[in-house]
């Protein structure tokens, strides 16, 4: 075989590799990511939004991530619903206040 044939085979193989990787992507691997406590409020990402559910019923939508280790502190399984509220502004404000509570609580006693 010529080197040209070998390059063609390698090229074909490299094109097939992503397909094979997709087939095995469903396999789960357990990876240990060590918990790293936050040291300040800047070590968190807090996203507060709202969603409309029904007629004039607004719920707060909150996500809190500790950026030092990527841990999602909220929402979690069994997390409370934030609402309903009469206005979008109230729902967002409630989510923001709850997010601030989670941040201060995690700074005081980190969830590891």
C-alpha atoms as a PDB file:
ATOM      1  CA  UNK A   1       0.000   0.000   0.000  1.00  0.00           C
ATOM      2  CA  UNK A   2       1.142   3.464  -0.748  1.00  0.00           C
ATOM      3  CA  UNK A   3       1.363   6.257   1.764  1.00  0.00           C
ATOM      4  CA  UNK A   4      -1.480   7.930  -0.096  1.00  0.00           C
ATOM      5  CA  UNK A   5      -3.756   4.932   0.633  1.00  0.00           C
ATOM      6  CA  UNK A   6      -2.745   5.004   4.290  1.00  0.00           C
ATOM      7  CA  UNK A   7      -3.583   8.713   4.542  1.00  0.00           C
ATOM      8  CA  UNK A   8      -6.964   8.044   2.951  1.00  0.00           C
ATOM      9  CA  UNK A   9      -7.659   5.284   5.490  1.00  0.00           C
ATOM     10  CA  UNK A  10      -6.600   7.504   8.384  1.00  0.00           C
ATOM     11  CA  UNK A  11      -8.775  10.295   7.054  1.00  0.00           C
ATOM     12  CA  UNK A  12     -11.736   7.924   6.815  1.00  0.00           C
ATOM     13  CA  UNK A  13     -11.062   6.653  10.335  1.00  0.00           C
ATOM     14  CA  UNK A  14     -10.879  10.183  11.756  1.00  0.00           C
ATOM     15  CA  UNK A  15     -14.227  10.994  10.174  1.00  0.00           C
ATOM     16  CA  UNK A  16     -15.806   7.900  11.722  1.00  0.00           C
ATOM     17  CA  UNK A  17     -14.412   8.529  15.179  1.00  0.00           C
ATOM     18  CA  UNK A  18     -16.905  11.258  16.182  1.00  0.00           C
ATOM     19  CA  UNK A  19     -19.769   8.962  15.170  1.00  0.00           C
ATOM     20  CA  UNK A  20     -18.365   6.181  17.340  1.00  0.00           C
ATOM     21  CA  UNK A  21     -17.891   8.635  20.183  1.00  0.00           C
ATOM     22  CA  UNK A  22     -21.539   9.653  19.887  1.00  0.00           C
ATOM     23  CA  UNK A  23     -22.568   6.004  20.173  1.00  0.00           C
ATOM     24  CA  UNK A  24     -20.706   5.664  23.456  1.00  0.00           C
ATOM     25  CA  UNK A  25     -21.559   9.086  24.858  1.00  0.00           C
ATOM     26  CA  UNK A  26     -24.514   7.566  26.703  1.00  0.00           C
ATOM     27  CA  UNK A  27     -22.125   5.686  28.941  1.00  0.00           C
ATOM     28  CA  UNK A  28     -21.720   7.404  32.262  1.00  0.00           C
ATOM     29  CA  UNK A  29     -18.448   7.893  34.024  1.00  0.00           C
ATOM     30  CA  UNK A  30     -18.218   8.870  37.645  1.00  0.00           C
ATOM     31  CA  UNK A  31     -15.823  11.754  38.007  1.00  0.00           C
ATOM     32  CA  UNK A  32     -14.823  13.109  41.377  1.00  0.00           C
ATOM     33  CA  UNK A  33     -14.887  16.895  41.490  1.00  0.00           C
ATOM     34  CA  UNK A  34     -13.689  18.164  44.857  1.00  0.00           C
ATOM     35  CA  UNK A  35     -15.862  20.723  46.604  1.00  0.00           C
ATOM     36  CA  UNK A  36     -14.208  24.104  46.932  1.00  0.00           C
ATOM     37  CA  UNK A  37     -15.872  26.472  49.393  1.00  0.00           C
ATOM     38  CA  UNK A  38     -16.519  30.032  48.300  1.00  0.00           C
ATOM     39  CA  UNK A  39     -14.760  32.892  50.052  1.00  0.00           C
ATOM     40  CA  UNK A  40     -16.908  35.831  48.917  1.00  0.00           C
ATOM     41  CA  UNK A  41     -20.142  36.740  47.154  1.00  0.00           C
ATOM     42  CA  UNK A  42     -18.175  37.083  43.900  1.00  0.00           C
ATOM     43  CA  UNK A  43     -17.730  33.294  43.923  1.00  0.00           C
ATOM     44  CA  UNK A  44     -21.405  32.775  42.999  1.00  0.00           C
ATOM     45  CA  UNK A  45     -23.541  33.236  39.913  1.00  0.00           C
ATOM     46  CA  UNK A  46     -27.135  34.133  40.754  1.00  0.00           C
ATOM     47  CA  UNK A  47     -29.735  34.231  37.999  1.00  0.00           C
ATOM     48  CA  UNK A  48     -33.213  35.478  38.965  1.00  0.00           C
ATOM     49  CA  UNK A  49     -36.044  35.482  36.424  1.00  0.00           C
ATOM     50  CA  UNK A  50     -39.774  34.888  36.355  1.00  0.00           C
ATOM     51  CA  UNK A  51     -42.234  32.739  34.483  1.00  0.00           C
ATOM     52  CA  UNK A  52     -45.944  33.180  33.868  1.00  0.00           C
ATOM     53  CA  UNK A  53     -48.178  30.288  34.902  1.00  0.00           C
ATOM     54  CA  UNK A  54     -51.858  30.826  34.245  1.00  0.00           C
ATOM     55  CA  UNK A  55     -53.666  34.113  34.454  1.00  0.00           C
ATOM     56  CA  UNK A  56     -51.589  36.695  36.369  1.00  0.00           C
ATOM     57  CA  UNK A  57     -49.640  34.096  38.334  1.00  0.00           C
ATOM     58  CA  UNK A  58     -45.912  34.673  38.270  1.00  0.00           C
ATOM     59  CA  UNK A  59     -43.274  32.369  39.740  1.00  0.00           C
ATOM     60  CA  UNK A  60     -39.660  33.174  40.474  1.00  0.00           C
ATOM     61  CA  UNK A  61     -37.050  31.173  38.572  1.00  0.00           C
ATOM     62  CA  UNK A  62     -33.727  30.982  40.366  1.00  0.00           C
ATOM     63  CA  UNK A  63     -30.368  29.400  39.670  1.00  0.00           C
ATOM     64  CA  UNK A  64     -27.421  29.697  42.054  1.00  0.00           C
ATOM     65  CA  UNK A  65     -24.030  28.249  41.098  1.00  0.00           C
ATOM     66  CA  UNK A  66     -20.898  28.279  43.247  1.00  0.00           C
ATOM     67  CA  UNK A  67     -18.229  29.098  40.658  1.00  0.00           C
ATOM     68  CA  UNK A  68     -15.287  27.795  42.681  1.00  0.00           C
ATOM     69  CA  UNK A  69     -16.334  24.212  41.942  1.00  0.00           C
ATOM     70  CA  UNK A  70     -19.347  24.560  39.616  1.00  0.00           C
ATOM     71  CA  UNK A  71     -21.821  23.195  42.136  1.00  0.00           C
ATOM     72  CA  UNK A  72     -25.471  24.114  41.505  1.00  0.00           C
ATOM     73  CA  UNK A  73     -26.908  25.102  44.870  1.00  0.00           C
ATOM     74  CA  UNK A  74     -30.378  25.954  43.541  1.00  0.00           C
ATOM     75  CA  UNK A  75     -32.556  24.463  42.179  1.00  0.00           C
ATOM     76  CA  UNK A  76     -32.218  21.080  43.820  1.00  0.00           C
ATOM     77  CA  UNK A  77     -34.537  18.088  44.052  1.00  0.00           C
ATOM     78  CA  UNK A  78     -37.480  19.119  46.209  1.00  0.00           C
ATOM     79  CA  UNK A  79     -36.668  22.834  45.967  1.00  0.00           C
ATOM     80  CA  UNK A  80     -39.592  25.089  46.896  1.00  0.00           C
ATOM     81  CA  UNK A  81     -41.541  26.970  44.253  1.00  0.00           C
ATOM     82  CA  UNK A  82     -41.077  30.698  44.465  1.00  0.00           C
ATOM     83  CA  UNK A  83     -44.589  32.017  44.127  1.00  0.00           C
ATOM     84  CA  UNK A  84     -47.176  32.602  42.933  1.00  0.00           C
ATOM     85  CA  UNK A  85     -46.957  36.384  42.844  1.00  0.00           C
ATOM     86  CA  UNK A  86     -49.289  38.932  41.294  1.00  0.00           C
ATOM     87  CA  UNK A  87     -46.588  40.671  39.252  1.00  0.00           C
ATOM     88  CA  UNK A  88     -43.450  39.762  37.378  1.00  0.00           C
ATOM     89  CA  UNK A  89     -41.441  42.269  39.423  1.00  0.00           C
ATOM     90  CA  UNK A  90     -42.491  40.630  42.707  1.00  0.00           C
ATOM     91  CA  UNK A  91     -41.518  37.171  41.411  1.00  0.00           C
ATOM     92  CA  UNK A  92     -38.075  38.333  40.270  1.00  0.00           C
ATOM     93  CA  UNK A  93     -37.503  40.198  43.550  1.00  0.00           C
ATOM     94  CA  UNK A  94     -38.460  37.116  45.572  1.00  0.00           C
ATOM     95  CA  UNK A  95     -36.084  34.956  43.529  1.00  0.00           C
ATOM     96  CA  UNK A  96     -33.272  37.478  43.998  1.00  0.00           C
ATOM     97  CA  UNK A  97     -33.813  37.657  47.774  1.00  0.00           C
ATOM     98  CA  UNK A  98     -33.894  33.863  48.038  1.00  0.00           C
ATOM     99  CA  UNK A  99     -30.709  33.664  45.964  1.00  0.00           C
ATOM    100  CA  UNK A 100     -28.966  36.106  48.284  1.00  0.00           C
ATOM    101  CA  UNK A 101     -30.104  33.983  51.244  1.00  0.00           C
ATOM    102  CA  UNK A 102     -28.565  30.870  49.653  1.00  0.00           C
ATOM    103  CA  UNK A 103     -25.285  32.707  49.021  1.00  0.00           C
ATOM    104  CA  UNK A 104     -24.960  34.023  52.586  1.00  0.00           C
ATOM    105  CA  UNK A 105     -25.917  30.609  54.005  1.00  0.00           C
ATOM    106  CA  UNK A 106     -23.320  28.833  51.859  1.00  0.00           C
ATOM    107  CA  UNK A 107     -20.649  31.337  52.875  1.00  0.00           C
ATOM    108  CA  UNK A 108     -21.453  30.707  56.547  1.00  0.00           C
ATOM    109  CA  UNK A 109     -21.729  26.904  56.225  1.00  0.00           C
ATOM    110  CA  UNK A 110     -20.564  25.599  52.844  1.00  0.00           C
ATOM    111  CA  UNK A 111     -22.414  22.673  51.361  1.00  0.00           C
ATOM    112  CA  UNK A 112     -19.610  20.239  50.586  1.00  0.00           C
END
